[in-house]
Amino acid sequence: KLIAIGVFSPFFVPLKVLGMTAVLLALPWL
């Protein structure tokens, strides 16, 4: 499995991916 070295990586990395994916999903609207 992929590992998470940073203490807060398991929390912030998924949120970062969620935010970037939301931008892509809303791109036509933007």
PDB file of all heavy atoms in Angstrom:
ATOM      1  N   LYS A   1       0.843  -1.191   0.000  1.00  0.00           N
ATOM      2  CA  LYS A   1       0.000   0.000   0.000  1.00  0.00           C
ATOM      3  C   LYS A   1       0.877   1.240   0.000  1.00  0.00           C
ATOM      4  O   LYS A   1       2.046   1.186   0.376  1.00  0.00           O
ATOM      5  CB  LYS A   1      -0.923   0.019   1.230  1.00  0.00           C
ATOM      6  CG  LYS A   1      -1.927  -1.121   1.295  1.00  0.00           C
ATOM      7  CD  LYS A   1      -2.792  -0.992   2.540  1.00  0.00           C
ATOM      8  CE  LYS A   1      -3.801  -2.119   2.633  1.00  0.00           C
ATOM      9  NZ  LYS A   1      -4.655  -2.009   3.852  1.00  0.00           N
ATOM     10  N   LEU A   2       0.293   2.350  -0.422  1.00  0.00           N
ATOM     11  CA  LEU A   2       0.981   3.625  -0.293  1.00  0.00           C
ATOM     12  C   LEU A   2       1.079   3.986   1.182  1.00  0.00           C
ATOM     13  O   LEU A   2       0.208   3.630   1.980  1.00  0.00           O
ATOM     14  CB  LEU A   2       0.222   4.722  -1.055  1.00  0.00           C
ATOM     15  CG  LEU A   2       0.074   4.522  -2.566  1.00  0.00           C
ATOM     16  CD1 LEU A   2      -0.802   5.622  -3.152  1.00  0.00           C
ATOM     17  CD2 LEU A   2       1.425   4.515  -3.240  1.00  0.00           C
ATOM     18  N   ILE A   3       2.121   4.703   1.536  1.00  0.00           N
ATOM     19  CA  ILE A   3       2.309   5.066   2.936  1.00  0.00           C
ATOM     20  C   ILE A   3       2.106   6.564   3.115  1.00  0.00           C
ATOM     21  O   ILE A   3       2.165   7.335   2.149  1.00  0.00           O
ATOM     22  CB  ILE A   3       3.715   4.660   3.430  1.00  0.00           C
ATOM     23  CG1 ILE A   3       4.790   5.411   2.633  1.00  0.00           C
ATOM     24  CG2 ILE A   3       3.909   3.152   3.325  1.00  0.00           C
ATOM     25  CD1 ILE A   3       6.195   5.183   3.157  1.00  0.00           C
ATOM     26  N   ALA A   4       1.834   6.973   4.341  1.00  0.00           N
ATOM     27  CA  ALA A   4       1.671   8.379   4.707  1.00  0.00           C
ATOM     28  C   ALA A   4       2.742   8.722   5.732  1.00  0.00           C
ATOM     29  O   ALA A   4       2.662   8.295   6.891  1.00  0.00           O
ATOM     30  CB  ALA A   4       0.274   8.631   5.266  1.00  0.00           C
ATOM     31  N   ILE A   5       3.748   9.477   5.301  1.00  0.00           N
ATOM     32  CA  ILE A   5       4.845   9.826   6.203  1.00  0.00           C
ATOM     33  C   ILE A   5       4.454  10.962   7.129  1.00  0.00           C
ATOM     34  O   ILE A   5       4.745  10.947   8.327  1.00  0.00           O
ATOM     35  CB  ILE A   5       6.101  10.207   5.383  1.00  0.00           C
ATOM     36  CG1 ILE A   5       6.576   9.009   4.564  1.00  0.00           C
ATOM     37  CG2 ILE A   5       7.217  10.704   6.291  1.00  0.00           C
ATOM     38  CD1 ILE A   5       7.756   9.297   3.677  1.00  0.00           C
ATOM     39  N   GLY A   6       3.793  11.979   6.581  1.00  0.00           N
ATOM     40  CA  GLY A   6       3.397  13.126   7.397  1.00  0.00           C
ATOM     41  C   GLY A   6       2.320  12.765   8.400  1.00  0.00           C
ATOM     42  O   GLY A   6       1.472  11.899   8.159  1.00  0.00           O
ATOM     43  N   VAL A   7       2.334  13.473   9.528  1.00  0.00           N
ATOM     44  CA  VAL A   7       1.360  13.209  10.593  1.00  0.00           C
ATOM     45  C   VAL A   7      -0.059  13.497  10.112  1.00  0.00           C
ATOM     46  O   VAL A   7      -1.001  12.748  10.404  1.00  0.00           O
ATOM     47  CB  VAL A   7       1.693  14.062  11.839  1.00  0.00           C
ATOM     48  CG1 VAL A   7       0.622  13.868  12.913  1.00  0.00           C
ATOM     49  CG2 VAL A   7       3.066  13.712  12.379  1.00  0.00           C
ATOM     50  N   PHE A   8      -0.227  14.585   9.367  1.00  0.00           N
ATOM     51  CA  PHE A   8      -1.563  15.003   8.940  1.00  0.00           C
ATOM     52  C   PHE A   8      -1.875  14.591   7.495  1.00  0.00           C
ATOM     53  O   PHE A   8      -2.933  14.960   6.980  1.00  0.00           O
ATOM     54  CB  PHE A   8      -1.708  16.521   9.082  1.00  0.00           C
ATOM     55  CG  PHE A   8      -1.517  17.013  10.492  1.00  0.00           C
ATOM     56  CD1 PHE A   8      -0.366  17.680  10.846  1.00  0.00           C
ATOM     57  CD2 PHE A   8      -2.487  16.797  11.446  1.00  0.00           C
ATOM     58  CE1 PHE A   8      -0.178  18.131  12.134  1.00  0.00           C
ATOM     59  CE2 PHE A   8      -2.323  17.240  12.753  1.00  0.00           C
ATOM     60  CZ  PHE A   8      -1.157  17.914  13.103  1.00  0.00           C
ATOM     61  N   SER A   9      -0.973  13.877   6.850  1.00  0.00           N
ATOM     62  CA  SER A   9      -1.196  13.476   5.455  1.00  0.00           C
ATOM     63  C   SER A   9      -2.469  12.666   5.251  1.00  0.00           C
ATOM     64  O   SER A   9      -3.196  12.895   4.271  1.00  0.00           O
ATOM     65  CB  SER A   9       0.008  12.683   4.936  1.00  0.00           C
ATOM     66  OG  SER A   9       1.148  13.493   4.873  1.00  0.00           O
ATOM     67  N   PRO A  10      -2.806  11.711   6.139  1.00  0.00           N
ATOM     68  CA  PRO A  10      -4.039  10.946   5.914  1.00  0.00           C
ATOM     69  C   PRO A  10      -5.296  11.800   5.908  1.00  0.00           C
ATOM     70  O   PRO A  10      -6.334  11.381   5.382  1.00  0.00           O
ATOM     71  CB  PRO A  10      -4.053   9.958   7.093  1.00  0.00           C
ATOM     72  CG  PRO A  10      -2.631   9.839   7.502  1.00  0.00           C
ATOM     73  CD  PRO A  10      -2.045  11.194   7.291  1.00  0.00           C
ATOM     74  N   PHE A  11      -5.210  13.017   6.477  1.00  0.00           N
ATOM     75  CA  PHE A  11      -6.371  13.899   6.510  1.00  0.00           C
ATOM     76  C   PHE A  11      -6.340  14.918   5.378  1.00  0.00           C
ATOM     77  O   PHE A  11      -7.333  15.107   4.667  1.00  0.00           O
ATOM     78  CB  PHE A  11      -6.433  14.635   7.855  1.00  0.00           C
ATOM     79  CG  PHE A  11      -7.553  15.643   7.948  1.00  0.00           C
ATOM     80  CD1 PHE A  11      -8.863  15.228   8.125  1.00  0.00           C
ATOM     81  CD2 PHE A  11      -7.289  17.004   7.845  1.00  0.00           C
ATOM     82  CE1 PHE A  11      -9.904  16.158   8.198  1.00  0.00           C
ATOM     83  CE2 PHE A  11      -8.313  17.940   7.911  1.00  0.00           C
ATOM     84  CZ  PHE A  11      -9.620  17.519   8.095  1.00  0.00           C
ATOM     85  N   PHE A  12      -5.193  15.579   5.199  1.00  0.00           N
ATOM     86  CA  PHE A  12      -5.119  16.680   4.243  1.00  0.00           C
ATOM     87  C   PHE A  12      -4.997  16.225   2.796  1.00  0.00           C
ATOM     88  O   PHE A  12      -5.529  16.880   1.890  1.00  0.00           O
ATOM     89  CB  PHE A  12      -3.947  17.613   4.596  1.00  0.00           C
ATOM     90  CG  PHE A  12      -4.214  18.489   5.775  1.00  0.00           C
ATOM     91  CD1 PHE A  12      -3.493  18.335   6.944  1.00  0.00           C
ATOM     92  CD2 PHE A  12      -5.195  19.470   5.726  1.00  0.00           C
ATOM     93  CE1 PHE A  12      -3.741  19.136   8.037  1.00  0.00           C
ATOM     94  CE2 PHE A  12      -5.456  20.285   6.813  1.00  0.00           C
ATOM     95  CZ  PHE A  12      -4.726  20.114   7.983  1.00  0.00           C
ATOM     96  N   VAL A  13      -4.298  15.131   2.532  1.00  0.00           N
ATOM     97  CA  VAL A  13      -4.125  14.686   1.147  1.00  0.00           C
ATOM     98  C   VAL A  13      -5.458  14.321   0.503  1.00  0.00           C
ATOM     99  O   VAL A  13      -5.740  14.748  -0.627  1.00  0.00           O
ATOM    100  CB  VAL A  13      -3.121  13.525   1.074  1.00  0.00           C
ATOM    101  CG1 VAL A  13      -3.080  12.936  -0.338  1.00  0.00           C
ATOM    102  CG2 VAL A  13      -1.724  14.005   1.464  1.00  0.00           C
ATOM    103  N   PRO A  14      -6.328  13.538   1.152  1.00  0.00           N
ATOM    104  CA  PRO A  14      -7.637  13.270   0.537  1.00  0.00           C
ATOM    105  C   PRO A  14      -8.457  14.533   0.303  1.00  0.00           C
ATOM    106  O   PRO A  14      -9.163  14.638  -0.716  1.00  0.00           O
ATOM    107  CB  PRO A  14      -8.325  12.337   1.549  1.00  0.00           C
ATOM    108  CG  PRO A  14      -7.199  11.678   2.262  1.00  0.00           C
ATOM    109  CD  PRO A  14      -6.133  12.713   2.373  1.00  0.00           C
ATOM    110  N   LEU A  15      -8.363  15.505   1.229  1.00  0.00           N
ATOM    111  CA  LEU A  15      -9.087  16.762   1.020  1.00  0.00           C
ATOM    112  C   LEU A  15      -8.526  17.532  -0.173  1.00  0.00           C
ATOM    113  O   LEU A  15      -9.281  18.157  -0.933  1.00  0.00           O
ATOM    114  CB  LEU A  15      -9.001  17.629   2.285  1.00  0.00           C
ATOM    115  CG  LEU A  15      -9.809  17.160   3.494  1.00  0.00           C
ATOM    116  CD1 LEU A  15      -9.671  18.153   4.642  1.00  0.00           C
ATOM    117  CD2 LEU A  15     -11.281  16.988   3.131  1.00  0.00           C
ATOM    118  N   LYS A  16      -7.209  17.489  -0.343  1.00  0.00           N
ATOM    119  CA  LYS A  16      -6.586  18.149  -1.489  1.00  0.00           C
ATOM    120  C   LYS A  16      -7.056  17.520  -2.790  1.00  0.00           C
ATOM    121  O   LYS A  16      -7.386  18.223  -3.755  1.00  0.00           O
ATOM    122  CB  LYS A  16      -5.066  18.051  -1.372  1.00  0.00           C
ATOM    123  CG  LYS A  16      -4.304  18.729  -2.490  1.00  0.00           C
ATOM    124  CD  LYS A  16      -2.806  18.612  -2.254  1.00  0.00           C
ATOM    125  CE  LYS A  16      -2.024  19.305  -3.363  1.00  0.00           C
ATOM    126  NZ  LYS A  16      -0.559  19.215  -3.133  1.00  0.00           N
ATOM    127  N   VAL A  17      -7.099  16.198  -2.813  1.00  0.00           N
ATOM    128  CA  VAL A  17      -7.578  15.500  -4.019  1.00  0.00           C
ATOM    129  C   VAL A  17      -9.047  15.824  -4.265  1.00  0.00           C
ATOM    130  O   VAL A  17      -9.469  16.027  -5.416  1.00  0.00           O
ATOM    131  CB  VAL A  17      -7.369  13.984  -3.863  1.00  0.00           C
ATOM    132  CG1 VAL A  17      -8.019  13.223  -5.017  1.00  0.00           C
ATOM    133  CG2 VAL A  17      -5.878  13.659  -3.788  1.00  0.00           C
ATOM    134  N   LEU A  18      -9.841  15.885  -3.201  1.00  0.00           N
ATOM    135  CA  LEU A  18     -11.257  16.227  -3.330  1.00  0.00           C
ATOM    136  C   LEU A  18     -11.422  17.625  -3.929  1.00  0.00           C
ATOM    137  O   LEU A  18     -12.257  17.840  -4.821  1.00  0.00           O
ATOM    138  CB  LEU A  18     -11.940  16.149  -1.971  1.00  0.00           C
ATOM    139  CG  LEU A  18     -13.430  16.530  -1.935  1.00  0.00           C
ATOM    140  CD1 LEU A  18     -14.259  15.525  -2.719  1.00  0.00           C
ATOM    141  CD2 LEU A  18     -13.923  16.620  -0.494  1.00  0.00           C
ATOM    142  N   GLY A  19     -10.623  18.579  -3.453  1.00  0.00           N
ATOM    143  CA  GLY A  19     -10.715  19.938  -3.964  1.00  0.00           C
ATOM    144  C   GLY A  19     -10.336  20.027  -5.433  1.00  0.00           C
ATOM    145  O   GLY A  19     -11.020  20.687  -6.227  1.00  0.00           O
ATOM    146  N   MET A  20      -9.242  19.365  -5.820  1.00  0.00           N
ATOM    147  CA  MET A  20      -8.820  19.394  -7.215  1.00  0.00           C
ATOM    148  C   MET A  20      -9.839  18.715  -8.120  1.00  0.00           C
ATOM    149  O   MET A  20     -10.125  19.191  -9.233  1.00  0.00           O
ATOM    150  CB  MET A  20      -7.454  18.715  -7.351  1.00  0.00           C
ATOM    151  CG  MET A  20      -6.307  19.468  -6.717  1.00  0.00           C
ATOM    152  SD  MET A  20      -6.022  21.092  -7.483  1.00  0.00           S
ATOM    153  CE  MET A  20      -5.555  20.614  -9.135  1.00  0.00           C
ATOM    154  N   THR A  21     -10.411  17.626  -7.654  1.00  0.00           N
ATOM    155  CA  THR A  21     -11.419  16.925  -8.456  1.00  0.00           C
ATOM    156  C   THR A  21     -12.686  17.763  -8.595  1.00  0.00           C
ATOM    157  O   THR A  21     -13.334  17.754  -9.648  1.00  0.00           O
ATOM    158  CB  THR A  21     -11.759  15.571  -7.819  1.00  0.00           C
ATOM    159  OG1 THR A  21     -10.560  14.848  -7.538  1.00  0.00           O
ATOM    160  CG2 THR A  21     -12.626  14.733  -8.747  1.00  0.00           C
ATOM    161  N   ALA A  22     -13.029  18.508  -7.535  1.00  0.00           N
ATOM    162  CA  ALA A  22     -14.193  19.390  -7.609  1.00  0.00           C
ATOM    163  C   ALA A  22     -13.982  20.484  -8.655  1.00  0.00           C
ATOM    164  O   ALA A  22     -14.911  20.834  -9.391  1.00  0.00           O
ATOM    165  CB  ALA A  22     -14.466  20.001  -6.232  1.00  0.00           C
ATOM    166  N   VAL A  23     -12.758  21.009  -8.729  1.00  0.00           N
ATOM    167  CA  VAL A  23     -12.457  22.017  -9.754  1.00  0.00           C
ATOM    168  C   VAL A  23     -12.623  21.431 -11.145  1.00  0.00           C
ATOM    169  O   VAL A  23     -13.203  22.052 -12.039  1.00  0.00           O
ATOM    170  CB  VAL A  23     -11.036  22.565  -9.552  1.00  0.00           C
ATOM    171  CG1 VAL A  23     -10.644  23.470 -10.724  1.00  0.00           C
ATOM    172  CG2 VAL A  23     -10.937  23.340  -8.245  1.00  0.00           C
ATOM    173  N   LEU A  24     -12.130  20.224 -11.350  1.00  0.00           N
ATOM    174  CA  LEU A  24     -12.255  19.577 -12.663  1.00  0.00           C
ATOM    175  C   LEU A  24     -13.711  19.299 -13.010  1.00  0.00           C
ATOM    176  O   LEU A  24     -14.142  19.501 -14.152  1.00  0.00           O
ATOM    177  CB  LEU A  24     -11.453  18.273 -12.674  1.00  0.00           C
ATOM    178  CG  LEU A  24      -9.936  18.413 -12.578  1.00  0.00           C
ATOM    179  CD1 LEU A  24      -9.288  17.036 -12.485  1.00  0.00           C
ATOM    180  CD2 LEU A  24      -9.394  19.187 -13.759  1.00  0.00           C
ATOM    181  N   LEU A  25     -14.467  18.826 -12.013  1.00  0.00           N
ATOM    182  CA  LEU A  25     -15.870  18.524 -12.263  1.00  0.00           C
ATOM    183  C   LEU A  25     -16.661  19.784 -12.608  1.00  0.00           C
ATOM    184  O   LEU A  25     -17.553  19.759 -13.474  1.00  0.00           O
ATOM    185  CB  LEU A  25     -16.479  17.843 -11.028  1.00  0.00           C
ATOM    186  CG  LEU A  25     -17.944  17.423 -11.132  1.00  0.00           C
ATOM    187  CD1 LEU A  25     -18.123  16.373 -12.225  1.00  0.00           C
ATOM    188  CD2 LEU A  25     -18.436  16.877  -9.789  1.00  0.00           C
ATOM    189  N   ALA A  26     -16.326  20.888 -11.950  1.00  0.00           N
ATOM    190  CA  ALA A  26     -17.053  22.144 -12.169  1.00  0.00           C
ATOM    191  C   ALA A  26     -16.443  23.000 -13.268  1.00  0.00           C
ATOM    192  O   ALA A  26     -16.892  24.130 -13.478  1.00  0.00           O
ATOM    193  CB  ALA A  26     -17.089  22.946 -10.863  1.00  0.00           C
ATOM    194  N   LEU A  27     -15.438  22.493 -13.980  1.00  0.00           N
ATOM    195  CA  LEU A  27     -14.738  23.300 -14.979  1.00  0.00           C
ATOM    196  C   LEU A  27     -15.664  23.902 -16.031  1.00  0.00           C
ATOM    197  O   LEU A  27     -15.556  25.107 -16.321  1.00  0.00           O
ATOM    198  CB  LEU A  27     -13.643  22.459 -15.646  1.00  0.00           C
ATOM    199  CG  LEU A  27     -12.760  23.190 -16.665  1.00  0.00           C
ATOM    200  CD1 LEU A  27     -12.030  24.352 -16.003  1.00  0.00           C
ATOM    201  CD2 LEU A  27     -11.764  22.231 -17.295  1.00  0.00           C
ATOM    202  N   PRO A  28     -16.581  23.146 -16.643  1.00  0.00           N
ATOM    203  CA  PRO A  28     -17.486  23.789 -17.618  1.00  0.00           C
ATOM    204  C   PRO A  28     -18.312  24.917 -17.006  1.00  0.00           C
ATOM    205  O   PRO A  28     -18.541  25.950 -17.646  1.00  0.00           O
ATOM    206  CB  PRO A  28     -18.378  22.623 -18.082  1.00  0.00           C
ATOM    207  CG  PRO A  28     -17.567  21.397 -17.820  1.00  0.00           C
ATOM    208  CD  PRO A  28     -16.798  21.687 -16.574  1.00  0.00           C
ATOM    209  N   TRP A  29     -18.760  24.729 -15.773  1.00  0.00           N
ATOM    210  CA  TRP A  29     -19.537  25.767 -15.083  1.00  0.00           C
ATOM    211  C   TRP A  29     -18.683  27.005 -14.834  1.00  0.00           C
ATOM    212  O   TRP A  29     -19.137  28.142 -15.032  1.00  0.00           O
ATOM    213  CB  TRP A  29     -20.084  25.223 -13.778  1.00  0.00           C
ATOM    214  CG  TRP A  29     -20.754  26.235 -12.898  1.00  0.00           C
ATOM    215  CD1 TRP A  29     -20.269  26.771 -11.749  1.00  0.00           C
ATOM    216  CD2 TRP A  29     -22.056  26.815 -13.086  1.00  0.00           C
ATOM    217  NE1 TRP A  29     -21.166  27.656 -11.212  1.00  0.00           N
ATOM    218  CE2 TRP A  29     -22.270  27.704 -12.004  1.00  0.00           C
ATOM    219  CE3 TRP A  29     -23.049  26.676 -14.054  1.00  0.00           C
ATOM    220  CZ2 TRP A  29     -23.438  28.440 -11.882  1.00  0.00           C
ATOM    221  CZ3 TRP A  29     -24.223  27.421 -13.932  1.00  0.00           C
ATOM    222  CH2 TRP A  29     -24.400  28.282 -12.855  1.00  0.00           C
ATOM    223  N   LEU A  30     -17.431  26.824 -14.417  1.00  0.00           N
ATOM    224  CA  LEU A  30     -16.528  27.941 -14.173  1.00  0.00           C
ATOM    225  C   LEU A  30     -16.251  28.700 -15.472  1.00  0.00           C
ATOM    226  O   LEU A  30     -16.256  29.939 -15.491  1.00  0.00           O
ATOM    227  CB  LEU A  30     -15.213  27.439 -13.570  1.00  0.00           C
ATOM    228  CG  LEU A  30     -15.313  26.673 -12.250  1.00  0.00           C
ATOM    229  CD1 LEU A  30     -13.928  26.219 -11.791  1.00  0.00           C
ATOM    230  CD2 LEU A  30     -15.961  27.532 -11.171  1.00  0.00           C
TER     231      LEU A  30
END
